[in-house]
Each structure stands twice: as structure tokens, then as C-alpha cells.
Amino acid sequence: MFVDFDWGGALAQSPILIEDFNAIAENLITELAAAGVTPGDIDAIIGAIAPLCPQIVANGTGCAAAN
């Protein structure tokens, strides 16, 4: 388990950039579609992940502003 893992320290040494975040999202979409997941479900999954961008990407740089 990752209960005691220092994510902040790890990400400080190897930050996730917006390009990385977008590539992961694109790969996820491709793999979900290949697995037969419906477009509506894919949209829901991506819709749940997208708002996490500012918490995942280094300094939230490049993330869309929340509405």
C-alpha cells in the first residue's frame, strides 16, 4: 500500500507535466475503447479524472481553469 509514500517528495524530484497528463489521458481513452467501454462511460471516467489535473501536474501548469 502507498499509505506512507511521500508523493510530494517523489513528484518534486520527477514532476508530472501537462504533456504527461494529457498523454496518459489519451492512452486511457484508447485502451478503454479497445476494451469495449462505451463512449459515454469513457467520457464519465475522463470527466472524473480531468478535475484532478491541478493536483497531479506540477504547479497545475497548463491545466484548464475550473468552471
Protein backbone atom coordinates (compact mmCIF):
# COMPACT_ATOMS: atom_id res chain seq x y z
CA MET A 1 0.00 0.00 0.00
CA PHE A 2 1.03 3.61 -0.53
CA VAL A 3 -0.20 4.90 2.83
CA ASP A 4 3.21 6.19 3.91
CA PHE A 5 4.55 7.03 0.45
CA ASP A 6 5.79 10.61 0.08
CA TRP A 7 4.07 11.58 -3.19
CA GLY A 8 5.01 15.23 -2.78
CA GLY A 9 8.67 14.39 -2.47
CA ALA A 10 8.57 11.96 -5.37
CA LEU A 11 6.81 14.41 -7.63
CA ALA A 12 9.22 17.19 -6.66
CA GLN A 13 12.09 15.07 -7.98
CA SER A 14 10.25 13.97 -11.11
CA PRO A 15 7.34 16.31 -11.79
CA ILE A 16 4.42 15.34 -13.98
CA LEU A 17 3.98 17.87 -16.78
CA ILE A 18 0.74 18.69 -18.62
CA GLU A 19 2.08 16.78 -21.63
CA ASP A 20 2.46 13.69 -19.45
CA PHE A 21 -1.03 14.09 -18.00
CA ASN A 22 -2.54 14.51 -21.48
CA ALA A 23 -0.64 11.51 -22.86
CA ILE A 24 -1.88 9.33 -20.01
CA ALA A 25 -5.45 10.50 -20.62
CA GLU A 26 -5.17 9.81 -24.36
CA ASN A 27 -3.74 6.34 -23.70
CA LEU A 28 -6.50 5.65 -21.21
CA ILE A 29 -9.16 6.64 -23.76
CA THR A 30 -7.56 4.39 -26.40
CA GLU A 31 -7.30 1.40 -24.07
CA LEU A 32 -10.82 1.80 -22.68
CA ALA A 33 -12.24 1.98 -26.21
CA ALA A 34 -10.23 -1.10 -27.23
CA ALA A 35 -11.67 -2.93 -24.21
CA GLY A 36 -15.19 -2.14 -25.38
CA VAL A 37 -16.04 0.54 -22.84
CA THR A 38 -18.86 2.71 -24.15
CA PRO A 39 -18.11 6.29 -25.24
CA GLY A 40 -20.45 7.58 -22.52
CA ASP A 41 -18.57 5.68 -19.83
CA ILE A 42 -15.23 6.84 -21.22
CA ASP A 43 -16.47 10.44 -21.08
CA ALA A 44 -17.55 9.91 -17.47
CA ILE A 45 -14.18 8.45 -16.49
CA ILE A 46 -12.22 11.24 -18.18
CA GLY A 47 -14.64 13.76 -16.69
CA ALA A 48 -13.78 12.42 -13.24
CA ILE A 49 -10.03 12.49 -13.85
CA ALA A 50 -9.72 15.88 -15.60
CA PRO A 51 -10.50 17.97 -12.48
CA LEU A 52 -7.57 16.28 -10.72
CA CYS A 53 -5.12 17.91 -13.15
CA PRO A 54 -4.10 20.76 -10.82
CA GLN A 55 -3.33 18.24 -8.06
CA ILE A 56 -1.30 15.95 -10.34
CA VAL A 57 0.51 18.27 -12.75
CA ALA A 58 3.47 20.24 -11.41
CA ASN A 59 2.09 23.53 -10.09
CA GLY A 60 -1.10 22.89 -12.10
CA THR A 61 0.68 24.46 -15.06
CA GLY A 62 -1.38 24.04 -18.22
CA CYS A 63 -4.48 22.66 -16.53
CA ALA A 64 -7.80 24.12 -17.61
CA ALA A 65 -9.39 26.52 -15.15
CA ALA A 66 -12.26 25.08 -13.13
CA ASN A 67 -15.68 26.33 -14.08
